[in-house]
Amino acid sequence: MIWSMSFERPLHANLLESLALEFFNDGTLVFNSTHQCPYNIIVCYNDSAGVSAAYNAGVALEIPDPQVTLASAQIWGYPGSNASLSDCISAKLQADLAEFTINSSNNTDFYLISNVNAYNFGLTINPQGNYSCPAPSCAIPNITNFCQAPNTLTGPLGDGCYNTDGPNATSPTPGTMAFANACPDAVSYLTDVSGKVFACPTGSNYEVVFSCS
């Protein structure tokens, strides 16, 4: 697989910065990044050690991937400068996820944004290519104001908001509804998938955009 990423400043919001991460189907994993965020971001992929995207700098990392077909992928991020496997794993429970199932059935990819564990960065998944596929998005402007009981702030590493009921709920709760109302495109508890799992033909590329306020 190839994943490439670059930070860019959205035209519509001076206080937002974004990290673009693209996925291609050709057997290698590659990260390229530059950005103007006020802090460094570590981008994690599945159970990797992550990639540091430094302030106003470029990062490149190429990892051969022996799997021609990728069964599934999860991408998340957290503020920081030193990427490590242990920190990526710890931050995963404090972050929202971009999730992909590639070539699942009938040459179809499935993808979603999950706030089941937590939320820490705005996320958008932009399919790239010749298909008109949905682009789910989730952005919460002020995590501190948003994160009210029963949900709680995560603190480091993710610096986000825990979805307290999300991992175990099988129906909406006041806590999960806060996430669902803020981000209708995103999954807010384990079985909250109706209309929130999106599809695109296999062979599409995907841009994952992280927004930081």
N, C-alpha and C. Protein backbone atom coordinates (compact mmCIF):
# COMPACT_ATOMS: atom_id res chain seq x y z
N MET A 1 0.84 -1.19 0.00
CA MET A 1 0.00 0.00 0.00
C MET A 1 0.88 1.25 0.00
N ILE A 2 0.39 2.37 -0.48
CA ILE A 2 1.10 3.63 -0.32
C ILE A 2 0.19 4.59 0.42
N TRP A 3 0.72 5.13 1.50
CA TRP A 3 0.02 6.20 2.21
C TRP A 3 0.92 7.42 2.11
N SER A 4 0.39 8.57 1.68
CA SER A 4 1.19 9.79 1.69
C SER A 4 0.39 10.87 2.38
N MET A 5 1.07 11.79 3.03
CA MET A 5 0.32 12.80 3.77
C MET A 5 1.01 14.14 3.69
N SER A 6 0.20 15.21 3.73
CA SER A 6 0.76 16.55 3.76
C SER A 6 -0.20 17.46 4.50
N PHE A 7 0.34 18.40 5.25
CA PHE A 7 -0.50 19.36 5.95
C PHE A 7 -0.83 20.51 5.01
N GLU A 8 -2.03 21.05 5.16
CA GLU A 8 -2.41 22.19 4.36
C GLU A 8 -3.35 23.06 5.17
N ARG A 9 -3.41 24.34 4.85
CA ARG A 9 -4.29 25.27 5.57
C ARG A 9 -5.61 25.39 4.83
N PRO A 10 -6.73 24.96 5.44
CA PRO A 10 -8.03 25.12 4.78
C PRO A 10 -8.35 26.59 4.56
N LEU A 11 -8.95 26.89 3.44
CA LEU A 11 -9.25 28.28 3.12
C LEU A 11 -10.35 28.85 3.99
N HIS A 12 -11.18 27.98 4.61
CA HIS A 12 -12.37 28.47 5.28
C HIS A 12 -12.16 28.75 6.76
N ALA A 13 -10.99 28.44 7.32
CA ALA A 13 -10.82 28.62 8.76
C ALA A 13 -9.35 28.85 9.09
N ASN A 14 -9.03 30.07 9.55
CA ASN A 14 -7.65 30.40 9.86
C ASN A 14 -7.09 29.59 11.02
N LEU A 15 -7.96 29.12 11.92
CA LEU A 15 -7.48 28.42 13.11
C LEU A 15 -7.39 26.92 12.92
N LEU A 16 -7.75 26.45 11.74
CA LEU A 16 -7.67 25.01 11.49
C LEU A 16 -6.47 24.70 10.60
N GLU A 17 -5.81 23.59 10.92
CA GLU A 17 -4.76 23.07 10.06
C GLU A 17 -5.16 21.64 9.71
N SER A 18 -4.63 21.09 8.64
CA SER A 18 -5.04 19.74 8.29
C SER A 18 -3.88 18.91 7.78
N LEU A 19 -4.01 17.63 8.01
CA LEU A 19 -3.03 16.65 7.58
C LEU A 19 -3.70 15.72 6.60
N ALA A 20 -3.18 15.63 5.40
CA ALA A 20 -3.78 14.78 4.39
C ALA A 20 -2.97 13.51 4.25
N LEU A 21 -3.66 12.39 4.26
CA LEU A 21 -3.03 11.08 4.19
C LEU A 21 -3.69 10.30 3.09
N GLU A 22 -2.96 9.88 2.07
CA GLU A 22 -3.55 9.20 0.93
C GLU A 22 -3.15 7.73 0.91
N PHE A 23 -4.08 6.90 0.47
CA PHE A 23 -3.89 5.46 0.42
C PHE A 23 -3.99 4.98 -1.01
N PHE A 24 -3.00 4.21 -1.45
CA PHE A 24 -3.03 3.62 -2.79
C PHE A 24 -2.79 2.12 -2.67
N ASN A 25 -3.19 1.37 -3.67
CA ASN A 25 -3.08 -0.10 -3.63
C ASN A 25 -1.92 -0.57 -4.51
N ASP A 26 -0.66 -0.52 -4.03
CA ASP A 26 0.41 -1.05 -4.87
C ASP A 26 1.54 -1.71 -4.08
N GLY A 27 1.32 -2.08 -2.81
CA GLY A 27 2.26 -2.93 -2.13
C GLY A 27 3.32 -2.25 -1.29
N THR A 28 3.30 -0.92 -1.14
CA THR A 28 4.28 -0.22 -0.31
C THR A 28 3.57 0.81 0.55
N LEU A 29 4.13 1.09 1.71
CA LEU A 29 3.58 2.08 2.62
C LEU A 29 4.51 3.28 2.64
N VAL A 30 4.05 4.46 2.23
CA VAL A 30 4.90 5.65 2.16
C VAL A 30 4.20 6.83 2.83
N PHE A 31 4.90 7.53 3.70
CA PHE A 31 4.40 8.75 4.32
C PHE A 31 5.23 9.93 3.84
N ASN A 32 4.60 11.02 3.41
CA ASN A 32 5.28 12.27 3.11
C ASN A 32 4.47 13.40 3.74
N SER A 33 5.10 14.27 4.49
CA SER A 33 4.30 15.30 5.17
C SER A 33 5.04 16.63 5.30
N THR A 34 4.27 17.70 5.21
CA THR A 34 4.70 19.03 5.63
C THR A 34 3.48 19.68 6.26
N HIS A 35 3.67 20.63 7.16
CA HIS A 35 2.52 21.27 7.76
C HIS A 35 2.87 22.59 8.43
N GLN A 36 1.85 23.32 8.82
CA GLN A 36 1.99 24.59 9.52
C GLN A 36 1.19 24.57 10.82
N CYS A 37 0.97 23.40 11.38
CA CYS A 37 0.27 23.31 12.65
C CYS A 37 1.14 23.92 13.75
N PRO A 38 0.53 24.41 14.83
CA PRO A 38 1.31 24.99 15.92
C PRO A 38 2.00 23.95 16.78
N TYR A 39 1.81 22.66 16.48
CA TYR A 39 2.49 21.61 17.23
C TYR A 39 2.66 20.39 16.33
N ASN A 40 3.57 19.53 16.69
CA ASN A 40 3.81 18.30 15.93
C ASN A 40 2.67 17.31 16.14
N ILE A 41 2.47 16.45 15.14
CA ILE A 41 1.46 15.41 15.22
C ILE A 41 2.11 14.06 14.88
N ILE A 42 1.77 13.04 15.65
CA ILE A 42 2.15 11.67 15.32
C ILE A 42 0.95 11.00 14.65
N VAL A 43 1.15 10.44 13.48
CA VAL A 43 0.10 9.70 12.78
C VAL A 43 0.40 8.21 12.91
N CYS A 44 -0.57 7.46 13.41
CA CYS A 44 -0.40 6.02 13.64
C CYS A 44 -1.24 5.23 12.63
N TYR A 45 -0.68 4.12 12.21
CA TYR A 45 -1.34 3.24 11.23
C TYR A 45 -1.32 1.83 11.78
N ASN A 46 -2.50 1.24 11.98
CA ASN A 46 -2.61 -0.09 12.58
C ASN A 46 -1.72 -0.16 13.82
N ASP A 47 -0.89 -1.18 13.97
CA ASP A 47 -0.03 -1.28 15.15
C ASP A 47 1.41 -0.92 14.80
N SER A 48 1.57 0.22 14.11
CA SER A 48 2.91 0.70 13.77
C SER A 48 3.37 1.69 14.83
N ALA A 49 4.64 2.09 14.73
CA ALA A 49 5.19 3.05 15.69
C ALA A 49 4.79 4.48 15.36
N GLY A 50 4.15 4.71 14.23
CA GLY A 50 3.69 6.04 13.88
C GLY A 50 4.74 6.84 13.14
N VAL A 51 4.31 7.98 12.61
CA VAL A 51 5.17 8.88 11.86
C VAL A 51 5.01 10.28 12.44
N SER A 52 6.13 10.94 12.74
CA SER A 52 6.08 12.30 13.27
C SER A 52 6.02 13.30 12.13
N ALA A 53 5.03 14.17 12.17
CA ALA A 53 4.91 15.26 11.19
C ALA A 53 5.31 16.55 11.89
N ALA A 54 6.51 17.04 11.62
CA ALA A 54 7.08 18.16 12.35
C ALA A 54 6.60 19.49 11.82
N TYR A 55 6.71 20.52 12.67
CA TYR A 55 6.26 21.87 12.30
C TYR A 55 7.06 22.37 11.10
N ASN A 56 6.35 22.77 10.05
CA ASN A 56 6.95 23.40 8.88
C ASN A 56 8.10 22.57 8.30
N ALA A 57 7.94 21.25 8.29
CA ALA A 57 9.00 20.37 7.80
C ALA A 57 8.40 19.21 7.05
N GLY A 58 9.24 18.45 6.37
CA GLY A 58 8.77 17.29 5.63
C GLY A 58 9.25 16.00 6.26
N VAL A 59 8.45 14.97 6.16
CA VAL A 59 8.79 13.65 6.68
C VAL A 59 8.49 12.63 5.60
N ALA A 60 9.40 11.69 5.40
CA ALA A 60 9.15 10.61 4.45
C ALA A 60 9.53 9.30 5.09
N LEU A 61 8.67 8.31 4.96
CA LEU A 61 8.92 6.98 5.50
C LEU A 61 8.33 5.96 4.54
N GLU A 62 9.12 5.01 4.12
CA GLU A 62 8.65 3.98 3.19
C GLU A 62 8.79 2.62 3.86
N ILE A 63 7.69 1.87 3.89
CA ILE A 63 7.66 0.56 4.54
C ILE A 63 7.10 -0.45 3.55
N PRO A 64 7.89 -1.43 3.11
CA PRO A 64 7.33 -2.47 2.24
C PRO A 64 6.22 -3.23 2.96
N ASP A 65 5.15 -3.49 2.23
CA ASP A 65 4.01 -4.20 2.80
C ASP A 65 3.83 -5.50 2.03
N PRO A 66 4.05 -6.65 2.66
CA PRO A 66 3.96 -7.91 1.94
C PRO A 66 2.53 -8.30 1.57
N GLN A 67 1.54 -7.61 2.15
CA GLN A 67 0.15 -7.97 1.87
C GLN A 67 -0.33 -7.23 0.63
N VAL A 68 -0.60 -7.96 -0.42
CA VAL A 68 -1.12 -7.33 -1.63
C VAL A 68 -2.52 -6.81 -1.37
N THR A 69 -3.29 -7.55 -0.60
CA THR A 69 -4.64 -7.13 -0.23
C THR A 69 -4.65 -6.82 1.26
N LEU A 70 -5.02 -5.62 1.60
CA LEU A 70 -5.09 -5.20 3.00
C LEU A 70 -6.49 -5.47 3.52
N ALA A 71 -6.60 -6.35 4.51
CA ALA A 71 -7.92 -6.70 5.03
C ALA A 71 -8.56 -5.50 5.72
N SER A 72 -7.79 -4.79 6.56
CA SER A 72 -8.35 -3.65 7.27
C SER A 72 -7.23 -2.71 7.67
N ALA A 73 -7.59 -1.46 7.91
CA ALA A 73 -6.62 -0.46 8.34
C ALA A 73 -7.31 0.53 9.27
N GLN A 74 -6.58 0.99 10.27
CA GLN A 74 -7.04 2.03 11.17
C GLN A 74 -5.97 3.11 11.22
N ILE A 75 -6.40 4.37 11.19
CA ILE A 75 -5.49 5.51 11.24
C ILE A 75 -5.96 6.45 12.33
N TRP A 76 -5.03 6.91 13.16
CA TRP A 76 -5.37 7.89 14.19
C TRP A 76 -4.14 8.74 14.47
N GLY A 77 -4.31 9.80 15.24
CA GLY A 77 -3.18 10.67 15.53
C GLY A 77 -3.22 11.21 16.94
N TYR A 78 -2.09 11.78 17.36
CA TYR A 78 -2.01 12.44 18.65
C TYR A 78 -0.90 13.49 18.62
N PRO A 79 -0.99 14.53 19.44
CA PRO A 79 0.07 15.54 19.47
C PRO A 79 1.36 14.95 20.01
N GLY A 80 2.49 15.31 19.42
CA GLY A 80 3.75 14.81 19.93
C GLY A 80 4.85 14.92 18.92
N SER A 81 6.08 14.61 19.36
CA SER A 81 7.25 14.69 18.50
C SER A 81 7.97 13.36 18.34
N ASN A 82 7.86 12.49 19.34
CA ASN A 82 8.60 11.23 19.33
C ASN A 82 7.64 10.06 19.13
N ALA A 83 7.67 9.48 17.94
CA ALA A 83 6.77 8.38 17.62
C ALA A 83 7.29 7.09 18.25
N SER A 84 6.38 6.32 18.86
CA SER A 84 6.74 5.02 19.40
C SER A 84 5.53 4.10 19.34
N LEU A 85 5.78 2.81 19.27
CA LEU A 85 4.69 1.85 19.20
C LEU A 85 3.84 1.91 20.46
N SER A 86 4.47 2.00 21.63
CA SER A 86 3.70 2.01 22.88
C SER A 86 2.82 3.24 22.98
N ASP A 87 3.33 4.40 22.53
CA ASP A 87 2.52 5.62 22.59
C ASP A 87 1.37 5.55 21.59
N CYS A 88 1.63 5.00 20.40
CA CYS A 88 0.54 4.86 19.42
C CYS A 88 -0.57 3.98 19.98
N ILE A 89 -0.19 2.88 20.61
CA ILE A 89 -1.19 1.98 21.17
C ILE A 89 -1.97 2.66 22.29
N SER A 90 -1.27 3.39 23.16
CA SER A 90 -1.94 4.09 24.26
C SER A 90 -2.86 5.19 23.74
N ALA A 91 -2.39 5.93 22.73
CA ALA A 91 -3.18 7.04 22.20
C ALA A 91 -4.41 6.57 21.44
N LYS A 92 -4.39 5.34 20.95
CA LYS A 92 -5.52 4.83 20.16
C LYS A 92 -6.83 4.87 20.95
N LEU A 93 -6.76 4.62 22.25
CA LEU A 93 -7.95 4.64 23.09
C LEU A 93 -8.41 6.05 23.41
N GLN A 94 -7.60 7.06 23.03
CA GLN A 94 -7.93 8.46 23.31
C GLN A 94 -8.19 9.24 22.02
N ALA A 95 -8.43 8.52 20.93
CA ALA A 95 -8.51 9.18 19.63
C ALA A 95 -9.68 8.65 18.82
N ASP A 96 -10.17 9.47 17.88
CA ASP A 96 -11.11 8.98 16.89
C ASP A 96 -10.31 8.31 15.77
N LEU A 97 -10.95 7.39 15.07
CA LEU A 97 -10.26 6.54 14.10
C LEU A 97 -10.88 6.68 12.71
N ALA A 98 -10.02 6.66 11.69
CA ALA A 98 -10.47 6.42 10.32
C ALA A 98 -10.24 4.94 10.04
N GLU A 99 -11.30 4.21 9.72
CA GLU A 99 -11.20 2.76 9.57
C GLU A 99 -11.57 2.35 8.14
N PHE A 100 -10.81 1.39 7.61
CA PHE A 100 -11.00 0.92 6.25
C PHE A 100 -11.03 -0.60 6.22
N THR A 101 -11.90 -1.17 5.41
CA THR A 101 -11.84 -2.58 5.03
C THR A 101 -11.73 -2.60 3.51
N ILE A 102 -10.57 -3.04 3.04
CA ILE A 102 -10.25 -2.94 1.62
C ILE A 102 -10.60 -4.25 0.91
N ASN A 103 -11.27 -4.12 -0.24
CA ASN A 103 -11.65 -5.27 -1.07
C ASN A 103 -12.41 -6.30 -0.23
N SER A 104 -13.41 -5.83 0.49
CA SER A 104 -14.15 -6.68 1.41
C SER A 104 -14.97 -7.73 0.68
N SER A 105 -15.76 -7.28 -0.28
CA SER A 105 -16.60 -8.20 -1.05
C SER A 105 -17.04 -7.50 -2.32
N ASN A 106 -17.14 -8.25 -3.39
CA ASN A 106 -17.60 -7.70 -4.67
C ASN A 106 -16.80 -6.47 -5.08
N ASN A 107 -15.48 -6.52 -4.83
CA ASN A 107 -14.60 -5.41 -5.22
C ASN A 107 -15.05 -4.08 -4.61
N THR A 108 -15.41 -4.14 -3.34
CA THR A 108 -15.89 -2.95 -2.63
C THR A 108 -15.05 -2.71 -1.38
N ASP A 109 -14.68 -1.44 -1.17
CA ASP A 109 -14.04 -1.00 0.07
C ASP A 109 -15.10 -0.39 0.98
N PHE A 110 -14.94 -0.58 2.28
CA PHE A 110 -15.82 0.06 3.26
C PHE A 110 -14.97 0.92 4.19
N TYR A 111 -15.53 2.05 4.63
CA TYR A 111 -14.77 2.95 5.48
C TYR A 111 -15.71 3.73 6.39
N LEU A 112 -15.18 4.17 7.52
CA LEU A 112 -15.99 4.91 8.49
C LEU A 112 -15.08 5.73 9.40
N ILE A 113 -15.70 6.66 10.12
CA ILE A 113 -15.05 7.41 11.20
C ILE A 113 -15.65 6.92 12.50
N SER A 114 -14.80 6.57 13.46
CA SER A 114 -15.27 6.04 14.74
C SER A 114 -14.90 6.96 15.89
N ASN A 115 -15.93 7.38 16.64
CA ASN A 115 -15.74 8.07 17.92
C ASN A 115 -16.09 7.14 19.09
N VAL A 116 -16.08 5.83 18.85
CA VAL A 116 -16.51 4.88 19.87
C VAL A 116 -15.65 5.00 21.13
N ASN A 117 -14.35 5.13 20.97
CA ASN A 117 -13.47 5.29 22.13
C ASN A 117 -13.38 6.73 22.60
N ALA A 118 -13.19 7.64 21.64
CA ALA A 118 -12.91 9.04 22.00
C ALA A 118 -12.89 9.89 20.74
N TYR A 119 -12.65 11.19 20.95
CA TYR A 119 -12.43 12.14 19.87
C TYR A 119 -11.27 13.03 20.27
N ASN A 120 -10.32 13.26 19.32
CA ASN A 120 -9.26 14.22 19.62
C ASN A 120 -8.89 15.12 18.45
N PHE A 121 -9.12 14.70 17.21
CA PHE A 121 -8.87 15.53 16.04
C PHE A 121 -10.08 15.46 15.12
N GLY A 122 -10.33 16.54 14.40
CA GLY A 122 -11.29 16.46 13.32
C GLY A 122 -10.79 15.51 12.25
N LEU A 123 -11.69 14.74 11.66
CA LEU A 123 -11.32 13.78 10.61
C LEU A 123 -12.27 13.91 9.43
N THR A 124 -11.71 13.83 8.24
CA THR A 124 -12.49 13.71 7.01
C THR A 124 -11.84 12.64 6.15
N ILE A 125 -12.65 11.76 5.56
CA ILE A 125 -12.15 10.77 4.61
C ILE A 125 -12.64 11.19 3.22
N ASN A 126 -11.70 11.53 2.35
CA ASN A 126 -12.03 11.95 0.99
C ASN A 126 -11.60 10.87 0.00
N PRO A 127 -12.54 10.12 -0.56
CA PRO A 127 -12.18 9.17 -1.61
C PRO A 127 -11.64 9.92 -2.83
N GLN A 128 -10.62 9.35 -3.47
CA GLN A 128 -10.00 9.97 -4.62
C GLN A 128 -10.15 9.03 -5.82
N GLY A 129 -10.41 9.58 -6.98
CA GLY A 129 -10.52 8.74 -8.17
C GLY A 129 -11.72 9.13 -9.02
N ASN A 130 -12.17 8.21 -9.83
CA ASN A 130 -13.21 8.49 -10.81
C ASN A 130 -14.61 8.15 -10.31
N TYR A 131 -14.74 7.92 -8.99
CA TYR A 131 -16.04 7.53 -8.45
C TYR A 131 -16.59 8.63 -7.56
N SER A 132 -17.89 8.75 -7.51
CA SER A 132 -18.54 9.72 -6.63
C SER A 132 -18.92 9.01 -5.34
N CYS A 133 -17.95 8.88 -4.44
CA CYS A 133 -18.15 8.17 -3.18
C CYS A 133 -18.30 9.18 -2.04
N PRO A 134 -19.05 8.82 -0.99
CA PRO A 134 -19.28 9.74 0.12
C PRO A 134 -17.98 10.11 0.84
N ALA A 135 -17.95 11.30 1.41
CA ALA A 135 -16.79 11.80 2.16
C ALA A 135 -17.22 12.15 3.58
N PRO A 136 -17.26 11.17 4.49
CA PRO A 136 -17.69 11.46 5.86
C PRO A 136 -16.71 12.38 6.57
N SER A 137 -17.25 13.17 7.50
CA SER A 137 -16.44 14.15 8.20
C SER A 137 -16.93 14.31 9.62
N CYS A 138 -16.01 14.66 10.52
CA CYS A 138 -16.35 14.93 11.92
C CYS A 138 -15.40 15.98 12.44
N ALA A 139 -15.93 17.05 13.00
CA ALA A 139 -15.10 18.10 13.60
C ALA A 139 -15.84 18.72 14.78
N ILE A 140 -15.20 18.75 15.93
CA ILE A 140 -15.77 19.37 17.13
C ILE A 140 -14.87 20.54 17.50
N PRO A 141 -15.36 21.79 17.43
CA PRO A 141 -14.47 22.95 17.54
C PRO A 141 -13.75 23.10 18.87
N ASN A 142 -14.42 22.86 19.99
CA ASN A 142 -13.82 23.11 21.29
C ASN A 142 -14.03 21.89 22.17
N ILE A 143 -13.01 21.05 22.28
CA ILE A 143 -13.17 19.78 23.00
C ILE A 143 -13.46 20.02 24.47
N THR A 144 -12.82 21.01 25.07
CA THR A 144 -13.01 21.27 26.50
C THR A 144 -14.46 21.61 26.80
N ASN A 145 -15.06 22.49 26.00
CA ASN A 145 -16.46 22.86 26.22
C ASN A 145 -17.39 21.70 25.88
N PHE A 146 -17.03 20.92 24.86
CA PHE A 146 -17.88 19.82 24.44
C PHE A 146 -17.89 18.69 25.45
N CYS A 147 -16.77 18.42 26.09
CA CYS A 147 -16.59 17.20 26.87
C CYS A 147 -17.18 17.35 28.28
N GLN A 148 -18.46 17.07 28.38
CA GLN A 148 -19.19 17.17 29.65
C GLN A 148 -19.60 15.78 30.13
N ALA A 149 -19.83 15.65 31.42
CA ALA A 149 -20.22 14.37 32.02
C ALA A 149 -21.43 13.77 31.28
N PRO A 150 -21.39 12.44 31.09
CA PRO A 150 -20.49 11.45 31.69
C PRO A 150 -19.15 11.31 30.98
N ASN A 151 -18.96 12.02 29.85
CA ASN A 151 -17.71 11.93 29.13
C ASN A 151 -16.63 12.74 29.85
N THR A 152 -15.37 12.37 29.66
CA THR A 152 -14.28 13.02 30.39
C THR A 152 -13.11 13.29 29.46
N LEU A 153 -12.34 14.32 29.75
CA LEU A 153 -11.14 14.63 28.99
C LEU A 153 -10.09 13.54 29.17
N THR A 154 -9.38 13.21 28.11
CA THR A 154 -8.39 12.14 28.18
C THR A 154 -7.08 12.59 28.80
N GLY A 155 -6.73 13.88 28.64
CA GLY A 155 -5.38 14.29 28.98
C GLY A 155 -4.41 13.71 27.96
N PRO A 156 -3.08 13.77 28.23
CA PRO A 156 -2.10 13.17 27.31
C PRO A 156 -2.30 11.66 27.24
N LEU A 157 -2.08 11.00 26.14
CA LEU A 157 -1.39 11.46 24.97
C LEU A 157 -2.36 12.11 23.96
N GLY A 158 -3.59 11.65 23.95
CA GLY A 158 -4.50 12.06 22.90
C GLY A 158 -4.99 13.48 23.01
N ASP A 159 -5.08 13.99 24.25
CA ASP A 159 -5.62 15.33 24.48
C ASP A 159 -7.00 15.48 23.85
N GLY A 160 -7.85 14.49 24.11
CA GLY A 160 -9.19 14.50 23.54
C GLY A 160 -10.26 14.31 24.59
N CYS A 161 -11.37 13.70 24.18
CA CYS A 161 -12.50 13.47 25.06
C CYS A 161 -12.91 12.00 24.96
N TYR A 162 -12.91 11.30 26.11
CA TYR A 162 -13.38 9.92 26.14
C TYR A 162 -14.88 9.85 25.90
N ASN A 163 -15.31 8.92 25.06
CA ASN A 163 -16.71 8.56 24.91
C ASN A 163 -16.98 7.46 25.94
N THR A 164 -17.36 7.83 27.14
CA THR A 164 -17.39 6.91 28.27
C THR A 164 -18.24 5.67 28.01
N ASP A 165 -19.40 5.85 27.41
CA ASP A 165 -20.31 4.72 27.18
C ASP A 165 -20.06 4.00 25.86
N GLY A 166 -19.35 4.65 24.93
CA GLY A 166 -19.24 4.14 23.57
C GLY A 166 -18.77 2.71 23.42
N PRO A 167 -17.69 2.29 24.11
CA PRO A 167 -17.17 0.94 23.88
C PRO A 167 -18.11 -0.18 24.28
N ASN A 168 -19.04 0.08 25.19
CA ASN A 168 -19.90 -0.98 25.71
C ASN A 168 -21.38 -0.81 25.38
N ALA A 169 -21.77 0.35 24.90
CA ALA A 169 -23.19 0.62 24.65
C ALA A 169 -23.67 -0.13 23.42
N THR A 170 -24.90 -0.60 23.48
CA THR A 170 -25.56 -1.22 22.33
C THR A 170 -26.78 -0.42 21.89
N SER A 171 -27.01 0.70 22.56
CA SER A 171 -28.07 1.63 22.20
C SER A 171 -27.63 3.02 22.66
N PRO A 172 -28.27 4.07 22.16
CA PRO A 172 -27.82 5.42 22.51
C PRO A 172 -27.93 5.70 24.01
N THR A 173 -26.97 6.45 24.53
CA THR A 173 -27.00 6.96 25.90
C THR A 173 -26.78 8.46 25.82
N PRO A 174 -27.04 9.20 26.90
CA PRO A 174 -26.75 10.64 26.86
C PRO A 174 -25.31 10.94 26.46
N GLY A 175 -24.37 10.10 26.91
CA GLY A 175 -22.97 10.32 26.57
C GLY A 175 -22.69 10.10 25.09
N THR A 176 -23.21 9.00 24.52
CA THR A 176 -22.96 8.74 23.10
C THR A 176 -23.73 9.72 22.22
N MET A 177 -24.89 10.18 22.68
CA MET A 177 -25.68 11.13 21.90
C MET A 177 -24.94 12.45 21.72
N ALA A 178 -24.12 12.83 22.70
CA ALA A 178 -23.33 14.05 22.56
C ALA A 178 -22.42 13.93 21.34
N PHE A 179 -21.78 12.77 21.17
CA PHE A 179 -20.92 12.55 20.02
C PHE A 179 -21.74 12.44 18.74
N ALA A 180 -22.86 11.73 18.79
CA ALA A 180 -23.69 11.55 17.59
C ALA A 180 -24.25 12.88 17.10
N ASN A 181 -24.65 13.75 18.01
CA ASN A 181 -25.19 15.05 17.61
C ASN A 181 -24.11 15.95 17.03
N ALA A 182 -22.89 15.86 17.59
CA ALA A 182 -21.80 16.69 17.11
C ALA A 182 -21.27 16.20 15.77
N CYS A 183 -21.32 14.88 15.55
CA CYS A 183 -20.74 14.27 14.34
C CYS A 183 -21.68 13.20 13.80
N PRO A 184 -22.71 13.60 13.06
CA PRO A 184 -23.68 12.62 12.57
C PRO A 184 -23.09 11.56 11.64
N ASP A 185 -21.96 11.86 10.99
CA ASP A 185 -21.35 10.88 10.07
C ASP A 185 -20.58 9.79 10.79
N ALA A 186 -20.25 10.00 12.08
CA ALA A 186 -19.33 9.11 12.78
C ALA A 186 -20.07 8.11 13.67
N VAL A 187 -19.49 6.94 13.83
CA VAL A 187 -20.03 5.91 14.72
C VAL A 187 -19.78 6.33 16.17
N SER A 188 -20.82 6.30 17.00
CA SER A 188 -20.70 6.80 18.37
C SER A 188 -20.76 5.69 19.43
N TYR A 189 -21.17 4.48 19.04
CA TYR A 189 -21.10 3.31 19.92
C TYR A 189 -21.04 2.07 19.03
N LEU A 190 -20.78 0.92 19.61
CA LEU A 190 -20.40 -0.25 18.83
C LEU A 190 -21.38 -0.61 17.72
N THR A 191 -22.66 -0.53 17.98
CA THR A 191 -23.64 -0.96 16.98
C THR A 191 -24.28 0.21 16.24
N ASP A 192 -23.72 1.39 16.38
CA ASP A 192 -24.24 2.60 15.74
C ASP A 192 -23.67 2.72 14.33
N VAL A 193 -24.09 1.82 13.44
CA VAL A 193 -23.49 1.75 12.11
C VAL A 193 -24.46 2.09 10.98
N SER A 194 -25.74 2.20 11.28
CA SER A 194 -26.71 2.46 10.22
C SER A 194 -26.43 3.81 9.55
N GLY A 195 -26.17 3.78 8.26
CA GLY A 195 -25.90 5.00 7.50
C GLY A 195 -24.54 5.60 7.76
N LYS A 196 -23.67 4.90 8.50
CA LYS A 196 -22.37 5.47 8.87
C LYS A 196 -21.19 4.64 8.38
N VAL A 197 -21.49 3.56 7.64
CA VAL A 197 -20.45 2.78 6.98
C VAL A 197 -20.58 3.08 5.49
N PHE A 198 -19.51 3.62 4.90
CA PHE A 198 -19.57 4.11 3.53
C PHE A 198 -18.80 3.16 2.61
N ALA A 199 -19.14 3.18 1.32
CA ALA A 199 -18.57 2.23 0.38
C ALA A 199 -18.03 2.94 -0.85
N CYS A 200 -16.98 2.33 -1.43
CA CYS A 200 -16.40 2.83 -2.67
C CYS A 200 -15.75 1.64 -3.39
N PRO A 201 -15.69 1.65 -4.72
CA PRO A 201 -15.09 0.53 -5.43
C PRO A 201 -13.63 0.32 -5.06
N THR A 202 -13.22 -0.94 -4.92
CA THR A 202 -11.82 -1.26 -4.64
C THR A 202 -10.94 -0.72 -5.76
N GLY A 203 -9.80 -0.18 -5.38
CA GLY A 203 -8.91 0.50 -6.32
C GLY A 203 -8.97 2.00 -6.15
N SER A 204 -9.93 2.49 -5.36
CA SER A 204 -10.00 3.92 -5.05
C SER A 204 -8.84 4.30 -4.13
N ASN A 205 -8.47 5.57 -4.16
CA ASN A 205 -7.51 6.12 -3.21
C ASN A 205 -8.28 6.90 -2.18
N TYR A 206 -7.66 7.13 -1.00
CA TYR A 206 -8.36 7.81 0.08
C TYR A 206 -7.45 8.83 0.73
N GLU A 207 -8.00 10.01 0.93
CA GLU A 207 -7.32 11.07 1.67
C GLU A 207 -7.96 11.19 3.05
N VAL A 208 -7.17 11.07 4.08
CA VAL A 208 -7.64 11.25 5.46
C VAL A 208 -7.11 12.58 5.96
N VAL A 209 -7.99 13.50 6.29
CA VAL A 209 -7.60 14.84 6.72
C VAL A 209 -7.82 14.98 8.22
N PHE A 210 -6.76 15.31 8.93
CA PHE A 210 -6.83 15.61 10.38
C PHE A 210 -6.91 17.13 10.54
N SER A 211 -7.90 17.62 11.25
CA SER A 211 -8.02 19.05 11.54
C SER A 211 -7.69 19.30 13.01
N CYS A 212 -6.91 20.31 13.28
CA CYS A 212 -6.55 20.63 14.66
C CYS A 212 -6.85 22.09 14.93
N SER A 213 -7.57 22.36 16.02
CA SER A 213 -7.95 23.73 16.35
C SER A 213 -6.97 24.32 17.36
